[in-house]
Amino acid sequence: MTSRYPPDPHIRPGIATAEEGIVLLDGPNGVAISLTAEAAAETGRSLVDAAAEALKQRAAGKTGTPTDGDEISDAG
């Protein structure tokens, strides 16, 4: 069995919450991480920037990933 890299993207967003000064991010397939407020803010900025770039790539046809409505990995 071979692994695919990058793995198939998930279509469900992660959910972030704040508890006792820590940011918790629950993602697909039981992935969960805790971040300081500062690390969470920088991660958020990085995600927004990367999402904007990925949308530009998709619009230019440079993609092997799903478009809205396509489901690849929906577990979690």
PDB file of N, CA and C in Angstrom:
ATOM      1  N   MET A   1       0.846  -1.183   0.000  1.00  0.00           N
ATOM      2  CA  MET A   1       0.000   0.000   0.000  1.00  0.00           C
ATOM      3  C   MET A   1       0.888   1.242   0.000  1.00  0.00           C
ATOM      4  N   THR A   2       0.624   2.156  -0.889  1.00  0.00           N
ATOM      5  CA  THR A   2       1.412   3.378  -0.955  1.00  0.00           C
ATOM      6  C   THR A   2       0.604   4.534  -0.390  1.00  0.00           C
ATOM      7  N   SER A   3       1.303   5.458   0.223  1.00  0.00           N
ATOM      8  CA  SER A   3       0.662   6.653   0.763  1.00  0.00           C
ATOM      9  C   SER A   3       0.633   7.730  -0.303  1.00  0.00           C
ATOM     10  N   ARG A   4      -0.410   8.507  -0.320  1.00  0.00           N
ATOM     11  CA  ARG A   4      -0.517   9.616  -1.250  1.00  0.00           C
ATOM     12  C   ARG A   4      -0.091  10.886  -0.535  1.00  0.00           C
ATOM     13  N   TYR A   5       0.809  11.627  -1.161  1.00  0.00           N
ATOM     14  CA  TYR A   5       1.182  12.919  -0.606  1.00  0.00           C
ATOM     15  C   TYR A   5       1.033  13.960  -1.688  1.00  0.00           C
ATOM     16  N   PRO A   6       0.372  15.038  -1.458  1.00  0.00           N
ATOM     17  CA  PRO A   6      -0.345  15.286  -0.210  1.00  0.00           C
ATOM     18  C   PRO A   6      -1.593  14.427  -0.139  1.00  0.00           C
ATOM     19  N   PRO A   7      -2.063  14.168   1.072  1.00  0.00           N
ATOM     20  CA  PRO A   7      -3.272  13.351   1.215  1.00  0.00           C
ATOM     21  C   PRO A   7      -4.488  14.075   0.647  1.00  0.00           C
ATOM     22  N   ASP A   8      -5.530  13.313   0.363  1.00  0.00           N
ATOM     23  CA  ASP A   8      -6.768  13.925  -0.129  1.00  0.00           C
ATOM     24  C   ASP A   8      -7.242  14.982   0.863  1.00  0.00           C
ATOM     25  N   PRO A   9      -7.659  16.136   0.364  1.00  0.00           N
ATOM     26  CA  PRO A   9      -8.091  17.212   1.271  1.00  0.00           C
ATOM     27  C   PRO A   9      -9.457  16.913   1.889  1.00  0.00           C
ATOM     28  N   HIS A  10      -9.649  17.419   3.063  1.00  0.00           N
ATOM     29  CA  HIS A  10     -10.940  17.304   3.741  1.00  0.00           C
ATOM     30  C   HIS A  10     -11.818  18.477   3.333  1.00  0.00           C
ATOM     31  N   ILE A  11     -13.111  18.239   3.279  1.00  0.00           N
ATOM     32  CA  ILE A  11     -14.035  19.312   2.901  1.00  0.00           C
ATOM     33  C   ILE A  11     -14.682  19.965   4.112  1.00  0.00           C
ATOM     34  N   ARG A  12     -14.566  19.346   5.264  1.00  0.00           N
ATOM     35  CA  ARG A  12     -15.143  19.925   6.482  1.00  0.00           C
ATOM     36  C   ARG A  12     -14.102  20.804   7.170  1.00  0.00           C
ATOM     37  N   PRO A  13     -14.492  22.012   7.564  1.00  0.00           N
ATOM     38  CA  PRO A  13     -13.542  22.884   8.254  1.00  0.00           C
ATOM     39  C   PRO A  13     -13.314  22.441   9.693  1.00  0.00           C
ATOM     40  N   GLY A  14     -12.176  22.846  10.237  1.00  0.00           N
ATOM     41  CA  GLY A  14     -11.929  22.643  11.654  1.00  0.00           C
ATOM     42  C   GLY A  14     -12.731  23.649  12.458  1.00  0.00           C
ATOM     43  N   ILE A  15     -12.911  23.350  13.723  1.00  0.00           N
ATOM     44  CA  ILE A  15     -13.658  24.235  14.620  1.00  0.00           C
ATOM     45  C   ILE A  15     -12.725  24.673  15.742  1.00  0.00           C
ATOM     46  N   ALA A  16     -12.569  25.979  15.896  1.00  0.00           N
ATOM     47  CA  ALA A  16     -11.697  26.522  16.946  1.00  0.00           C
ATOM     48  C   ALA A  16     -12.539  27.057  18.101  1.00  0.00           C
ATOM     49  N   THR A  17     -12.052  26.812  19.303  1.00  0.00           N
ATOM     50  CA  THR A  17     -12.680  27.341  20.509  1.00  0.00           C
ATOM     51  C   THR A  17     -11.581  27.848  21.434  1.00  0.00           C
ATOM     52  N   ALA A  18     -11.951  28.727  22.357  1.00  0.00           N
ATOM     53  CA  ALA A  18     -11.008  29.234  23.349  1.00  0.00           C
ATOM     54  C   ALA A  18     -11.457  28.768  24.718  1.00  0.00           C
ATOM     55  N   GLU A  19     -10.512  28.211  25.467  1.00  0.00           N
ATOM     56  CA  GLU A  19     -10.787  27.761  26.831  1.00  0.00           C
ATOM     57  C   GLU A  19      -9.592  28.079  27.711  1.00  0.00           C
ATOM     58  N   GLU A  20      -9.827  28.855  28.746  1.00  0.00           N
ATOM     59  CA  GLU A  20      -8.799  29.180  29.736  1.00  0.00           C
ATOM     60  C   GLU A  20      -7.530  29.749  29.099  1.00  0.00           C
ATOM     61  N   GLY A  21      -7.703  30.603  28.104  1.00  0.00           N
ATOM     62  CA  GLY A  21      -6.563  31.274  27.486  1.00  0.00           C
ATOM     63  C   GLY A  21      -5.837  30.453  26.426  1.00  0.00           C
ATOM     64  N   ILE A  22      -6.342  29.290  26.095  1.00  0.00           N
ATOM     65  CA  ILE A  22      -5.743  28.407  25.088  1.00  0.00           C
ATOM     66  C   ILE A  22      -6.749  28.235  23.961  1.00  0.00           C
ATOM     67  N   VAL A  23      -6.260  28.150  22.731  1.00  0.00           N
ATOM     68  CA  VAL A  23      -7.123  27.905  21.582  1.00  0.00           C
ATOM     69  C   VAL A  23      -7.063  26.425  21.245  1.00  0.00           C
ATOM     70  N   LEU A  24      -8.225  25.806  21.131  1.00  0.00           N
ATOM     71  CA  LEU A  24      -8.334  24.398  20.765  1.00  0.00           C
ATOM     72  C   LEU A  24      -8.889  24.314  19.350  1.00  0.00           C
ATOM     73  N   LEU A  25      -8.259  23.501  18.524  1.00  0.00           N
ATOM     74  CA  LEU A  25      -8.714  23.316  17.157  1.00  0.00           C
ATOM     75  C   LEU A  25      -9.056  21.850  16.962  1.00  0.00           C
ATOM     76  N   ASP A  26     -10.337  21.587  16.694  1.00  0.00           N
ATOM     77  CA  ASP A  26     -10.806  20.239  16.403  1.00  0.00           C
ATOM     78  C   ASP A  26     -10.957  20.103  14.907  1.00  0.00           C
ATOM     79  N   GLY A  27     -10.248  19.150  14.341  1.00  0.00           N
ATOM     80  CA  GLY A  27     -10.287  18.937  12.906  1.00  0.00           C
ATOM     81  C   GLY A  27     -10.904  17.600  12.551  1.00  0.00           C
ATOM     82  N   PRO A  28     -10.825  17.237  11.269  1.00  0.00           N
ATOM     83  CA  PRO A  28     -11.405  15.978  10.818  1.00  0.00           C
ATOM     84  C   PRO A  28     -10.645  14.767  11.356  1.00  0.00           C
ATOM     85  N   ASN A  29     -11.323  13.648  11.397  1.00  0.00           N
ATOM     86  CA  ASN A  29     -10.738  12.372  11.834  1.00  0.00           C
ATOM     87  C   ASN A  29     -10.164  12.422  13.240  1.00  0.00           C
ATOM     88  N   GLY A  30     -10.749  13.235  14.103  1.00  0.00           N
ATOM     89  CA  GLY A  30     -10.315  13.288  15.489  1.00  0.00           C
ATOM     90  C   GLY A  30      -9.041  14.079  15.737  1.00  0.00           C
ATOM     91  N   VAL A  31      -8.552  14.792  14.735  1.00  0.00           N
ATOM     92  CA  VAL A  31      -7.360  15.616  14.923  1.00  0.00           C
ATOM     93  C   VAL A  31      -7.714  16.772  15.844  1.00  0.00           C
ATOM     94  N   ALA A  32      -6.907  16.971  16.861  1.00  0.00           N
ATOM     95  CA  ALA A  32      -7.134  18.081  17.787  1.00  0.00           C
ATOM     96  C   ALA A  32      -5.778  18.618  18.234  1.00  0.00           C
ATOM     97  N   ILE A  33      -5.652  19.947  18.241  1.00  0.00           N
ATOM     98  CA  ILE A  33      -4.420  20.566  18.725  1.00  0.00           C
ATOM     99  C   ILE A  33      -4.777  21.727  19.636  1.00  0.00           C
ATOM    100  N   SER A  34      -3.852  22.063  20.508  1.00  0.00           N
ATOM    101  CA  SER A  34      -4.019  23.249  21.344  1.00  0.00           C
ATOM    102  C   SER A  34      -2.893  24.218  21.001  1.00  0.00           C
ATOM    103  N   LEU A  35      -3.231  25.493  20.972  1.00  0.00           N
ATOM    104  CA  LEU A  35      -2.289  26.541  20.593  1.00  0.00           C
ATOM    105  C   LEU A  35      -2.392  27.703  21.563  1.00  0.00           C
ATOM    106  N   THR A  36      -1.276  28.418  21.720  1.00  0.00           N
ATOM    107  CA  THR A  36      -1.364  29.673  22.442  1.00  0.00           C
ATOM    108  C   THR A  36      -2.180  30.630  21.574  1.00  0.00           C
ATOM    109  N   ALA A  37      -2.664  31.692  22.162  1.00  0.00           N
ATOM    110  CA  ALA A  37      -3.426  32.684  21.396  1.00  0.00           C
ATOM    111  C   ALA A  37      -2.570  33.252  20.264  1.00  0.00           C
ATOM    112  N   GLU A  38      -1.302  33.488  20.550  1.00  0.00           N
ATOM    113  CA  GLU A  38      -0.405  34.041  19.534  1.00  0.00           C
ATOM    114  C   GLU A  38      -0.187  33.062  18.375  1.00  0.00           C
ATOM    115  N   ALA A  39       0.043  31.803  18.699  1.00  0.00           N
ATOM    116  CA  ALA A  39       0.246  30.792  17.654  1.00  0.00           C
ATOM    117  C   ALA A  39      -1.028  30.601  16.837  1.00  0.00           C
ATOM    118  N   ALA A  40      -2.185  30.644  17.492  1.00  0.00           N
ATOM    119  CA  ALA A  40      -3.454  30.497  16.783  1.00  0.00           C
ATOM    120  C   ALA A  40      -3.679  31.661  15.823  1.00  0.00           C
ATOM    121  N   ALA A  41      -3.358  32.883  16.265  1.00  0.00           N
ATOM    122  CA  ALA A  41      -3.543  34.051  15.402  1.00  0.00           C
ATOM    123  C   ALA A  41      -2.656  33.956  14.165  1.00  0.00           C
ATOM    124  N   GLU A  42      -1.409  33.556  14.340  1.00  0.00           N
ATOM    125  CA  GLU A  42      -0.499  33.418  13.195  1.00  0.00           C
ATOM    126  C   GLU A  42      -0.939  32.275  12.285  1.00  0.00           C
ATOM    127  N   THR A  43      -1.392  31.186  12.873  1.00  0.00           N
ATOM    128  CA  THR A  43      -1.908  30.069  12.074  1.00  0.00           C
ATOM    129  C   THR A  43      -3.112  30.508  11.260  1.00  0.00           C
ATOM    130  N   GLY A  44      -3.981  31.289  11.871  1.00  0.00           N
ATOM    131  CA  GLY A  44      -5.156  31.801  11.161  1.00  0.00           C
ATOM    132  C   GLY A  44      -4.769  32.659   9.974  1.00  0.00           C
ATOM    133  N   ARG A  45      -3.810  33.553  10.181  1.00  0.00           N
ATOM    134  CA  ARG A  45      -3.343  34.396   9.069  1.00  0.00           C
ATOM    135  C   ARG A  45      -2.742  33.540   7.960  1.00  0.00           C
ATOM    136  N   SER A  46      -1.947  32.550   8.335  1.00  0.00           N
ATOM    137  CA  SER A  46      -1.310  31.671   7.361  1.00  0.00           C
ATOM    138  C   SER A  46      -2.349  30.865   6.585  1.00  0.00           C
ATOM    139  N   LEU A  47      -3.374  30.386   7.270  1.00  0.00           N
ATOM    140  CA  LEU A  47      -4.445  29.634   6.598  1.00  0.00           C
ATOM    141  C   LEU A  47      -5.204  30.500   5.605  1.00  0.00           C
ATOM    142  N   VAL A  48      -5.517  31.724   5.991  1.00  0.00           N
ATOM    143  CA  VAL A  48      -6.230  32.635   5.090  1.00  0.00           C
ATOM    144  C   VAL A  48      -5.385  32.918   3.851  1.00  0.00           C
ATOM    145  N   ASP A  49      -4.101  33.179   4.043  1.00  0.00           N
ATOM    146  CA  ASP A  49      -3.205  33.435   2.911  1.00  0.00           C
ATOM    147  C   ASP A  49      -3.113  32.220   1.989  1.00  0.00           C
ATOM    148  N   ALA A  50      -2.951  31.039   2.572  1.00  0.00           N
ATOM    149  CA  ALA A  50      -2.837  29.820   1.777  1.00  0.00           C
ATOM    150  C   ALA A  50      -4.135  29.515   1.042  1.00  0.00           C
ATOM    151  N   ALA A  51      -5.266  29.752   1.685  1.00  0.00           N
ATOM    152  CA  ALA A  51      -6.558  29.524   1.036  1.00  0.00           C
ATOM    153  C   ALA A  51      -6.736  30.451  -0.160  1.00  0.00           C
ATOM    154  N   ALA A  52      -6.331  31.709  -0.011  1.00  0.00           N
ATOM    155  CA  ALA A  52      -6.429  32.663  -1.123  1.00  0.00           C
ATOM    156  C   ALA A  52      -5.566  32.195  -2.294  1.00  0.00           C
ATOM    157  N   GLU A  53      -4.364  31.731  -2.016  1.00  0.00           N
ATOM    158  CA  GLU A  53      -3.473  31.242  -3.070  1.00  0.00           C
ATOM    159  C   GLU A  53      -4.045  29.989  -3.728  1.00  0.00           C
ATOM    160  N   ALA A  54      -4.586  29.084  -2.938  1.00  0.00           N
ATOM    161  CA  ALA A  54      -5.176  27.856  -3.491  1.00  0.00           C
ATOM    162  C   ALA A  54      -6.371  28.172  -4.385  1.00  0.00           C
ATOM    163  N   LEU A  55      -7.175  29.154  -4.007  1.00  0.00           N
ATOM    164  CA  LEU A  55      -8.305  29.550  -4.849  1.00  0.00           C
ATOM    165  C   LEU A  55      -7.828  30.139  -6.172  1.00  0.00           C
ATOM    166  N   LYS A  56      -6.742  30.917  -6.133  1.00  0.00           N
ATOM    167  CA  LYS A  56      -6.167  31.448  -7.373  1.00  0.00           C
ATOM    168  C   LYS A  56      -5.663  30.317  -8.259  1.00  0.00           C
ATOM    169  N   GLN A  57      -4.992  29.348  -7.653  1.00  0.00           N
ATOM    170  CA  GLN A  57      -4.481  28.202  -8.403  1.00  0.00           C
ATOM    171  C   GLN A  57      -5.634  27.421  -9.038  1.00  0.00           C
ATOM    172  N   ARG A  58      -6.688  27.203  -8.261  1.00  0.00           N
ATOM    173  CA  ARG A  58      -7.847  26.470  -8.787  1.00  0.00           C
ATOM    174  C   ARG A  58      -8.463  27.227  -9.958  1.00  0.00           C
ATOM    175  N   ALA A  59      -8.600  28.551  -9.825  1.00  0.00           N
ATOM    176  CA  ALA A  59      -9.185  29.367 -10.892  1.00  0.00           C
ATOM    177  C   ALA A  59      -8.334  29.314 -12.156  1.00  0.00           C
ATOM    178  N   ALA A  60      -7.021  29.138 -11.988  1.00  0.00           N
ATOM    179  CA  ALA A  60      -6.115  29.057 -13.127  1.00  0.00           C
ATOM    180  C   ALA A  60      -6.011  27.638 -13.681  1.00  0.00           C
ATOM    181  N   GLY A  61      -6.775  26.715 -13.102  1.00  0.00           N
ATOM    182  CA  GLY A  61      -6.764  25.339 -13.574  1.00  0.00           C
ATOM    183  C   GLY A  61      -5.585  24.525 -13.070  1.00  0.00           C
ATOM    184  N   LYS A  62      -4.848  25.053 -12.125  1.00  0.00           N
ATOM    185  CA  LYS A  62      -3.684  24.360 -11.569  1.00  0.00           C
ATOM    186  C   LYS A  62      -4.107  23.576 -10.335  1.00  0.00           C
ATOM    187  N   THR A  63      -4.873  22.530 -10.553  1.00  0.00           N
ATOM    188  CA  THR A  63      -5.374  21.805  -9.399  1.00  0.00           C
ATOM    189  C   THR A  63      -5.664  20.357  -9.713  1.00  0.00           C
ATOM    190  N   GLY A  64      -5.440  19.540  -8.726  1.00  0.00           N
ATOM    191  CA  GLY A  64      -5.854  18.155  -8.776  1.00  0.00           C
ATOM    192  C   GLY A  64      -6.757  17.885  -7.596  1.00  0.00           C
ATOM    193  N   THR A  65      -7.229  18.943  -6.976  1.00  0.00           N
ATOM    194  CA  THR A  65      -8.045  18.841  -5.774  1.00  0.00           C
ATOM    195  C   THR A  65      -9.502  19.082  -6.105  1.00  0.00           C
ATOM    196  N   PRO A  66     -10.392  18.760  -5.190  1.00  0.00           N
ATOM    197  CA  PRO A  66     -11.813  18.920  -5.468  1.00  0.00           C
ATOM    198  C   PRO A  66     -12.238  20.380  -5.542  1.00  0.00           C
ATOM    199  N   THR A  67     -13.316  20.605  -6.239  1.00  0.00           N
ATOM    200  CA  THR A  67     -13.936  21.924  -6.249  1.00  0.00           C
ATOM    201  C   THR A  67     -15.121  21.871  -5.310  1.00  0.00           C
ATOM    202  N   ASP A  68     -15.742  22.995  -5.063  1.00  0.00           N
ATOM    203  CA  ASP A  68     -16.898  23.033  -4.159  1.00  0.00           C
ATOM    204  C   ASP A  68     -17.910  21.996  -4.593  1.00  0.00           C
ATOM    205  N   GLY A  69     -18.384  21.229  -3.632  1.00  0.00           N
ATOM    206  CA  GLY A  69     -19.379  20.216  -3.914  1.00  0.00           C
ATOM    207  C   GLY A  69     -18.796  18.837  -4.147  1.00  0.00           C
ATOM    208  N   ASP A  70     -17.495  18.752  -4.471  1.00  0.00           N
ATOM    209  CA  ASP A  70     -16.853  17.460  -4.635  1.00  0.00           C
ATOM    210  C   ASP A  70     -16.440  16.954  -3.268  1.00  0.00           C
ATOM    211  N   GLU A  71     -16.598  15.675  -3.063  1.00  0.00           N
ATOM    212  CA  GLU A  71     -16.194  15.100  -1.791  1.00  0.00           C
ATOM    213  C   GLU A  71     -15.084  14.100  -2.019  1.00  0.00           C
ATOM    214  N   ILE A  72     -13.975  14.283  -1.323  1.00  0.00           N
ATOM    215  CA  ILE A  72     -12.900  13.315  -1.365  1.00  0.00           C
ATOM    216  C   ILE A  72     -12.802  12.667   0.005  1.00  0.00           C
ATOM    217  N   SER A  73     -12.446  13.433   1.014  1.00  0.00           N
ATOM    218  CA  SER A  73     -12.354  12.891   2.364  1.00  0.00           C
ATOM    219  C   SER A  73     -13.374  13.608   3.223  1.00  0.00           C
ATOM    220  N   ASP A  74     -14.384  12.877   3.616  1.00  0.00           N
ATOM    221  CA  ASP A  74     -15.443  13.474   4.420  1.00  0.00           C
ATOM    222  C   ASP A  74     -15.574  12.780   5.750  1.00  0.00           C
ATOM    223  N   ALA A  75     -14.572  12.012   6.129  1.00  0.00           N
ATOM    224  CA  ALA A  75     -14.622  11.322   7.421  1.00  0.00           C
ATOM    225  C   ALA A  75     -14.279  12.313   8.526  1.00  0.00           C
ATOM    226  N   GLY A  76     -14.864  12.109   9.655  1.00  0.00           N
ATOM    227  CA  GLY A  76     -14.463  12.950  10.779  1.00  0.00           C
ATOM    228  C   GLY A  76     -15.544  13.614  11.431  1.00  0.00           C
TER     229      GLY A  76
END
